[in-house]
Amino acid sequence: MSVVTGGGGRGEVTLAFSLSAVERLADPAAAFADAGEWSRYVGVVDDDREAVAAVVDERGLRQDFEVGDRDKWLALEEVGLATDTPRHVYVGAGVEDRRVATHLGWEFRHVTDAAEKAGWELADPTGESGALDRLLGWLR
């Protein structure tokens, strides 16, 4: 099974987000739509595959990666091998995200830096709205 299922953008970038990075974005769907304009492949790659599927479905996010039951280490490695772009960028929010990206040869961008450069709005820094969204998600 291929880990790349879609795409078709004209960009030279494969752009993957961690779940924690997606949760930091005020409007993930708008950020993904924008990224799709300049990236060939866009998606979410993280260890919790059920949470990835839920976030992608609930937020209507573009998901060009079919990672199956792979953890983010193996998924990012396979996405990197399966995509023909010269740049592979992992947008994350923590030390573990940086570690996996660096180890696998991906460029790492912290979500705050990526958002600033791309003009994406970040969620409330106090985390109150994010916490409420997560709580409501668990209740559904």
N, C-alpha and C. Protein backbone atom coordinates (compact mmCIF):
# COMPACT_ATOMS: atom_id res chain seq x y z
N MET A 1 0.85 -1.18 0.00
CA MET A 1 0.00 0.00 0.00
C MET A 1 0.89 1.23 0.00
N SER A 2 0.60 2.16 -0.84
CA SER A 2 1.36 3.40 -0.92
C SER A 2 0.98 4.33 0.23
N VAL A 3 1.97 5.05 0.73
CA VAL A 3 1.67 6.00 1.79
C VAL A 3 1.20 7.34 1.24
N VAL A 4 1.30 7.52 -0.04
CA VAL A 4 0.83 8.77 -0.66
C VAL A 4 -0.41 8.45 -1.48
N THR A 5 -1.51 9.13 -1.17
CA THR A 5 -2.77 8.79 -1.82
C THR A 5 -3.31 9.89 -2.72
N GLY A 6 -2.74 11.06 -2.64
CA GLY A 6 -3.32 12.15 -3.42
C GLY A 6 -2.30 13.20 -3.73
N GLY A 7 -2.73 14.42 -3.73
CA GLY A 7 -1.82 15.52 -4.01
C GLY A 7 -2.09 16.09 -5.38
N GLY A 8 -1.04 16.41 -6.08
CA GLY A 8 -1.19 16.95 -7.41
C GLY A 8 -0.89 18.43 -7.49
N GLY A 9 -0.53 19.04 -6.31
CA GLY A 9 -0.13 20.43 -6.34
C GLY A 9 1.16 20.59 -7.11
N ARG A 10 1.48 21.81 -7.44
CA ARG A 10 2.66 22.07 -8.25
C ARG A 10 3.90 22.33 -7.42
N GLY A 11 3.79 22.35 -6.11
CA GLY A 11 4.91 22.70 -5.25
C GLY A 11 6.02 21.68 -5.22
N GLU A 12 7.11 22.08 -4.62
CA GLU A 12 8.26 21.20 -4.48
C GLU A 12 8.43 20.76 -3.03
N VAL A 13 7.34 20.80 -2.27
CA VAL A 13 7.41 20.50 -0.84
C VAL A 13 6.41 19.41 -0.48
N THR A 14 6.88 18.49 0.34
CA THR A 14 5.99 17.56 1.04
C THR A 14 5.89 18.12 2.45
N LEU A 15 4.69 18.45 2.90
CA LEU A 15 4.48 19.12 4.18
C LEU A 15 3.61 18.24 5.08
N ALA A 16 4.19 17.84 6.20
CA ALA A 16 3.45 17.02 7.17
C ALA A 16 3.35 17.79 8.48
N PHE A 17 2.22 17.68 9.12
CA PHE A 17 1.97 18.32 10.42
C PHE A 17 1.83 17.25 11.49
N SER A 18 2.31 17.54 12.69
CA SER A 18 2.02 16.69 13.84
C SER A 18 0.64 17.08 14.36
N LEU A 19 0.02 16.20 15.14
CA LEU A 19 -1.27 16.53 15.74
C LEU A 19 -1.17 17.75 16.63
N SER A 20 -0.10 17.82 17.42
CA SER A 20 0.06 18.97 18.32
C SER A 20 0.16 20.27 17.54
N ALA A 21 0.77 20.25 16.36
CA ALA A 21 0.85 21.45 15.53
C ALA A 21 -0.53 21.83 15.00
N VAL A 22 -1.29 20.85 14.55
CA VAL A 22 -2.65 21.12 14.04
C VAL A 22 -3.50 21.75 15.15
N GLU A 23 -3.35 21.25 16.37
CA GLU A 23 -4.14 21.78 17.49
C GLU A 23 -3.77 23.21 17.84
N ARG A 24 -2.58 23.65 17.47
CA ARG A 24 -2.14 25.02 17.76
C ARG A 24 -2.66 26.02 16.74
N LEU A 25 -3.15 25.53 15.61
CA LEU A 25 -3.65 26.42 14.56
C LEU A 25 -5.09 26.85 14.85
N ALA A 26 -5.36 28.14 14.68
CA ALA A 26 -6.72 28.63 14.91
C ALA A 26 -7.69 28.06 13.88
N ASP A 27 -7.24 27.95 12.64
CA ASP A 27 -8.09 27.44 11.57
C ASP A 27 -7.27 26.46 10.72
N PRO A 28 -7.17 25.21 11.19
CA PRO A 28 -6.36 24.23 10.46
C PRO A 28 -6.79 24.05 9.00
N ALA A 29 -8.08 24.09 8.72
CA ALA A 29 -8.55 23.90 7.35
C ALA A 29 -8.03 25.01 6.44
N ALA A 30 -8.01 26.24 6.92
CA ALA A 30 -7.49 27.35 6.13
C ALA A 30 -5.98 27.21 5.92
N ALA A 31 -5.28 26.78 6.95
CA ALA A 31 -3.82 26.59 6.83
C ALA A 31 -3.52 25.47 5.84
N PHE A 32 -4.27 24.39 5.88
CA PHE A 32 -4.05 23.28 4.95
C PHE A 32 -4.39 23.69 3.52
N ALA A 33 -5.46 24.47 3.35
CA ALA A 33 -5.83 24.95 2.01
C ALA A 33 -4.72 25.84 1.46
N ASP A 34 -4.19 26.71 2.31
CA ASP A 34 -3.09 27.57 1.90
C ASP A 34 -1.86 26.74 1.56
N ALA A 35 -1.52 25.81 2.41
CA ALA A 35 -0.34 24.96 2.18
C ALA A 35 -0.50 24.16 0.89
N GLY A 36 -1.72 23.77 0.58
CA GLY A 36 -1.98 23.02 -0.64
C GLY A 36 -1.71 23.81 -1.91
N GLU A 37 -1.68 25.13 -1.79
CA GLU A 37 -1.39 25.98 -2.94
C GLU A 37 0.08 25.92 -3.33
N TRP A 38 0.95 25.66 -2.38
CA TRP A 38 2.39 25.67 -2.65
C TRP A 38 3.11 24.37 -2.28
N SER A 39 2.38 23.39 -1.80
CA SER A 39 2.96 22.09 -1.47
C SER A 39 2.35 21.02 -2.37
N ARG A 40 3.14 20.06 -2.76
CA ARG A 40 2.62 18.97 -3.58
C ARG A 40 1.82 18.00 -2.72
N TYR A 41 2.32 17.70 -1.53
CA TYR A 41 1.64 16.77 -0.62
C TYR A 41 1.51 17.43 0.74
N VAL A 42 0.34 17.25 1.36
CA VAL A 42 0.06 17.83 2.67
C VAL A 42 -0.70 16.79 3.48
N GLY A 43 -0.40 16.73 4.78
CA GLY A 43 -1.15 15.83 5.63
C GLY A 43 -0.69 15.86 7.07
N VAL A 44 -1.32 15.00 7.86
CA VAL A 44 -1.01 14.87 9.28
C VAL A 44 -0.37 13.52 9.50
N VAL A 45 0.76 13.53 10.20
CA VAL A 45 1.46 12.29 10.54
C VAL A 45 1.78 12.34 12.02
N ASP A 46 1.27 11.36 12.77
CA ASP A 46 1.55 11.28 14.20
C ASP A 46 1.33 9.86 14.66
N ASP A 47 1.66 9.61 15.92
CA ASP A 47 1.55 8.25 16.45
C ASP A 47 0.12 7.78 16.66
N ASP A 48 -0.76 8.64 17.10
CA ASP A 48 -2.15 8.27 17.40
C ASP A 48 -2.97 8.33 16.12
N ARG A 49 -3.01 7.22 15.39
CA ARG A 49 -3.67 7.18 14.10
C ARG A 49 -5.18 7.43 14.19
N GLU A 50 -5.80 6.98 15.27
CA GLU A 50 -7.23 7.24 15.43
C GLU A 50 -7.50 8.73 15.61
N ALA A 51 -6.65 9.39 16.38
CA ALA A 51 -6.80 10.83 16.58
C ALA A 51 -6.53 11.58 15.28
N VAL A 52 -5.55 11.13 14.50
CA VAL A 52 -5.27 11.75 13.20
C VAL A 52 -6.50 11.65 12.32
N ALA A 53 -7.08 10.46 12.22
CA ALA A 53 -8.26 10.26 11.38
C ALA A 53 -9.42 11.14 11.85
N ALA A 54 -9.61 11.24 13.17
CA ALA A 54 -10.70 12.05 13.71
C ALA A 54 -10.49 13.53 13.39
N VAL A 55 -9.27 14.03 13.58
CA VAL A 55 -8.99 15.45 13.31
C VAL A 55 -9.14 15.75 11.82
N VAL A 56 -8.64 14.87 10.98
CA VAL A 56 -8.74 15.07 9.53
C VAL A 56 -10.21 15.12 9.12
N ASP A 57 -11.01 14.19 9.63
CA ASP A 57 -12.44 14.15 9.28
C ASP A 57 -13.20 15.34 9.84
N GLU A 58 -13.02 15.63 11.14
CA GLU A 58 -13.78 16.70 11.79
C GLU A 58 -13.45 18.07 11.22
N ARG A 59 -12.21 18.28 10.85
CA ARG A 59 -11.78 19.60 10.38
C ARG A 59 -11.73 19.71 8.86
N GLY A 60 -12.02 18.62 8.16
CA GLY A 60 -12.01 18.63 6.70
C GLY A 60 -10.64 18.93 6.12
N LEU A 61 -9.61 18.30 6.69
CA LEU A 61 -8.24 18.58 6.27
C LEU A 61 -7.82 17.70 5.10
N ARG A 62 -6.97 18.25 4.29
CA ARG A 62 -6.37 17.50 3.18
C ARG A 62 -5.42 16.47 3.79
N GLN A 63 -5.55 15.23 3.36
CA GLN A 63 -4.69 14.16 3.89
C GLN A 63 -4.18 13.34 2.71
N ASP A 64 -2.98 13.67 2.25
CA ASP A 64 -2.38 12.98 1.12
C ASP A 64 -1.60 11.73 1.53
N PHE A 65 -1.54 11.43 2.82
CA PHE A 65 -0.76 10.30 3.30
C PHE A 65 -1.67 9.22 3.88
N GLU A 66 -1.47 8.00 3.43
CA GLU A 66 -2.17 6.84 4.00
C GLU A 66 -1.12 6.08 4.80
N VAL A 67 -1.09 6.33 6.11
CA VAL A 67 -0.01 5.78 6.92
C VAL A 67 -0.38 4.49 7.65
N GLY A 68 -1.62 4.08 7.55
CA GLY A 68 -2.03 2.81 8.15
C GLY A 68 -1.71 2.75 9.64
N ASP A 69 -1.12 1.65 10.06
CA ASP A 69 -0.84 1.48 11.49
C ASP A 69 0.61 1.81 11.85
N ARG A 70 1.28 2.59 11.02
CA ARG A 70 2.67 2.95 11.27
C ARG A 70 2.75 4.08 12.31
N ASP A 71 3.81 4.05 13.14
CA ASP A 71 4.04 5.17 14.03
C ASP A 71 4.63 6.32 13.20
N LYS A 72 4.78 7.49 13.82
CA LYS A 72 5.22 8.64 13.03
C LYS A 72 6.64 8.49 12.51
N TRP A 73 7.48 7.72 13.19
CA TRP A 73 8.84 7.49 12.70
C TRP A 73 8.81 6.75 11.37
N LEU A 74 8.13 5.63 11.35
CA LEU A 74 8.06 4.82 10.14
C LEU A 74 7.24 5.53 9.06
N ALA A 75 6.16 6.19 9.47
CA ALA A 75 5.31 6.89 8.49
C ALA A 75 6.09 8.00 7.80
N LEU A 76 6.80 8.83 8.55
CA LEU A 76 7.57 9.91 7.92
C LEU A 76 8.68 9.36 7.04
N GLU A 77 9.29 8.27 7.47
CA GLU A 77 10.33 7.66 6.64
C GLU A 77 9.74 7.19 5.31
N GLU A 78 8.60 6.51 5.35
CA GLU A 78 7.98 6.00 4.14
C GLU A 78 7.43 7.11 3.26
N VAL A 79 6.85 8.15 3.88
CA VAL A 79 6.36 9.29 3.09
C VAL A 79 7.54 9.95 2.38
N GLY A 80 8.64 10.11 3.08
CA GLY A 80 9.82 10.71 2.47
C GLY A 80 10.32 9.92 1.28
N LEU A 81 10.30 8.60 1.39
CA LEU A 81 10.75 7.75 0.29
C LEU A 81 9.74 7.71 -0.87
N ALA A 82 8.46 7.85 -0.55
CA ALA A 82 7.42 7.71 -1.57
C ALA A 82 7.13 9.01 -2.33
N THR A 83 7.58 10.13 -1.81
CA THR A 83 7.29 11.40 -2.46
C THR A 83 8.51 11.89 -3.23
N ASP A 84 8.24 12.53 -4.35
CA ASP A 84 9.31 12.94 -5.25
C ASP A 84 9.64 14.43 -5.16
N THR A 85 9.40 15.03 -4.02
CA THR A 85 9.69 16.45 -3.85
C THR A 85 11.10 16.63 -3.29
N PRO A 86 11.74 17.73 -3.65
CA PRO A 86 13.09 17.97 -3.13
C PRO A 86 13.11 18.37 -1.65
N ARG A 87 11.99 18.87 -1.13
CA ARG A 87 11.94 19.28 0.28
C ARG A 87 10.85 18.51 1.00
N HIS A 88 11.19 18.10 2.22
CA HIS A 88 10.25 17.44 3.12
C HIS A 88 10.29 18.20 4.43
N VAL A 89 9.14 18.76 4.83
CA VAL A 89 9.08 19.61 6.02
C VAL A 89 8.06 19.03 6.98
N TYR A 90 8.47 18.88 8.25
CA TYR A 90 7.58 18.42 9.31
C TYR A 90 7.32 19.59 10.25
N VAL A 91 6.07 20.01 10.34
CA VAL A 91 5.67 21.10 11.22
C VAL A 91 5.19 20.47 12.53
N GLY A 92 5.89 20.78 13.59
CA GLY A 92 5.57 20.18 14.88
C GLY A 92 5.53 21.21 15.98
N ALA A 93 5.32 20.73 17.20
CA ALA A 93 5.20 21.64 18.34
C ALA A 93 6.04 21.23 19.53
N GLY A 94 6.87 20.21 19.37
CA GLY A 94 7.63 19.77 20.52
C GLY A 94 8.97 19.15 20.18
N VAL A 95 9.67 18.81 21.23
CA VAL A 95 11.01 18.23 21.10
C VAL A 95 10.98 16.90 20.36
N GLU A 96 10.00 16.07 20.63
CA GLU A 96 9.91 14.77 19.95
C GLU A 96 9.67 14.95 18.45
N ASP A 97 8.87 15.93 18.09
CA ASP A 97 8.63 16.22 16.67
C ASP A 97 9.93 16.63 15.98
N ARG A 98 10.71 17.48 16.66
CA ARG A 98 12.00 17.91 16.11
C ARG A 98 12.95 16.72 15.98
N ARG A 99 12.96 15.88 16.98
CA ARG A 99 13.87 14.72 16.99
C ARG A 99 13.58 13.78 15.82
N VAL A 100 12.33 13.44 15.60
CA VAL A 100 11.99 12.52 14.51
C VAL A 100 12.30 13.14 13.15
N ALA A 101 11.98 14.42 13.00
CA ALA A 101 12.25 15.10 11.72
C ALA A 101 13.74 15.12 11.44
N THR A 102 14.52 15.54 12.41
CA THR A 102 15.96 15.65 12.23
C THR A 102 16.59 14.30 11.95
N HIS A 103 16.18 13.30 12.69
CA HIS A 103 16.74 11.96 12.52
C HIS A 103 16.46 11.40 11.12
N LEU A 104 15.28 11.71 10.58
CA LEU A 104 14.89 11.16 9.28
C LEU A 104 15.24 12.06 8.10
N GLY A 105 15.91 13.17 8.36
CA GLY A 105 16.34 14.04 7.28
C GLY A 105 15.28 15.01 6.77
N TRP A 106 14.22 15.19 7.53
CA TRP A 106 13.20 16.17 7.19
C TRP A 106 13.61 17.51 7.79
N GLU A 107 13.20 18.61 7.16
CA GLU A 107 13.35 19.92 7.77
C GLU A 107 12.29 20.01 8.87
N PHE A 108 12.66 20.59 10.00
CA PHE A 108 11.68 20.79 11.06
C PHE A 108 11.35 22.27 11.16
N ARG A 109 10.07 22.58 11.28
CA ARG A 109 9.62 23.94 11.53
C ARG A 109 8.66 23.88 12.71
N HIS A 110 8.94 24.69 13.72
CA HIS A 110 8.01 24.78 14.84
C HIS A 110 6.75 25.47 14.34
N VAL A 111 5.60 25.05 14.81
CA VAL A 111 4.33 25.56 14.31
C VAL A 111 4.23 27.07 14.47
N THR A 112 4.79 27.63 15.53
CA THR A 112 4.71 29.08 15.70
C THR A 112 5.51 29.81 14.61
N ASP A 113 6.68 29.28 14.26
CA ASP A 113 7.49 29.88 13.20
C ASP A 113 6.83 29.70 11.84
N ALA A 114 6.32 28.49 11.58
CA ALA A 114 5.66 28.23 10.31
C ALA A 114 4.43 29.11 10.14
N ALA A 115 3.66 29.26 11.22
CA ALA A 115 2.44 30.08 11.16
C ALA A 115 2.80 31.54 10.89
N GLU A 116 3.84 32.03 11.53
CA GLU A 116 4.25 33.42 11.32
C GLU A 116 4.67 33.65 9.88
N LYS A 117 5.47 32.75 9.34
CA LYS A 117 5.96 32.92 7.97
C LYS A 117 4.85 32.74 6.94
N ALA A 118 3.90 31.85 7.20
CA ALA A 118 2.84 31.57 6.24
C ALA A 118 1.61 32.46 6.42
N GLY A 119 1.56 33.18 7.55
CA GLY A 119 0.39 34.03 7.80
C GLY A 119 -0.80 33.27 8.36
N TRP A 120 -0.53 32.13 9.00
CA TRP A 120 -1.61 31.36 9.63
C TRP A 120 -1.81 31.87 11.05
N GLU A 121 -3.05 31.94 11.46
CA GLU A 121 -3.36 32.39 12.81
C GLU A 121 -3.26 31.22 13.78
N LEU A 122 -2.68 31.50 14.94
CA LEU A 122 -2.58 30.49 15.98
C LEU A 122 -3.78 30.57 16.91
N ALA A 123 -4.12 29.45 17.52
CA ALA A 123 -5.22 29.41 18.48
C ALA A 123 -4.85 30.21 19.72
N ASP A 124 -5.81 30.45 20.55
CA ASP A 124 -5.62 31.18 21.80
C ASP A 124 -4.44 30.58 22.57
N PRO A 125 -3.40 31.39 22.85
CA PRO A 125 -2.21 30.85 23.51
C PRO A 125 -2.47 30.34 24.92
N THR A 126 -3.57 30.74 25.55
CA THR A 126 -3.87 30.22 26.88
C THR A 126 -4.33 28.78 26.81
N GLY A 127 -4.71 28.34 25.61
CA GLY A 127 -5.15 26.97 25.42
C GLY A 127 -6.58 26.73 25.82
N GLU A 128 -7.29 27.79 26.26
CA GLU A 128 -8.65 27.59 26.74
C GLU A 128 -9.57 27.07 25.65
N SER A 129 -9.52 27.67 24.48
CA SER A 129 -10.41 27.20 23.41
C SER A 129 -9.98 25.83 22.92
N GLY A 130 -8.67 25.57 22.87
CA GLY A 130 -8.19 24.27 22.45
C GLY A 130 -8.60 23.18 23.42
N ALA A 131 -8.52 23.49 24.72
CA ALA A 131 -8.91 22.51 25.73
C ALA A 131 -10.40 22.22 25.63
N LEU A 132 -11.19 23.26 25.39
CA LEU A 132 -12.64 23.06 25.24
C LEU A 132 -12.93 22.20 24.02
N ASP A 133 -12.26 22.49 22.91
CA ASP A 133 -12.45 21.70 21.71
C ASP A 133 -12.09 20.23 21.96
N ARG A 134 -10.99 19.99 22.65
CA ARG A 134 -10.58 18.60 22.94
C ARG A 134 -11.59 17.91 23.83
N LEU A 135 -12.09 18.64 24.85
CA LEU A 135 -13.09 18.07 25.75
C LEU A 135 -14.36 17.72 24.98
N LEU A 136 -14.81 18.63 24.14
CA LEU A 136 -16.01 18.35 23.34
C LEU A 136 -15.77 17.19 22.39
N GLY A 137 -14.56 17.11 21.84
CA GLY A 137 -14.21 15.98 20.96
C GLY A 137 -14.31 14.66 21.68
N TRP A 138 -13.83 14.61 22.92
CA TRP A 138 -13.89 13.37 23.70
C TRP A 138 -15.34 12.99 24.03
N LEU A 139 -16.16 14.01 24.26
CA LEU A 139 -17.55 13.74 24.61
C LEU A 139 -18.35 13.22 23.42
N ARG A 140 -17.95 13.60 22.20
CA ARG A 140 -18.65 13.14 21.00
C ARG A 140 -18.32 11.71 20.82
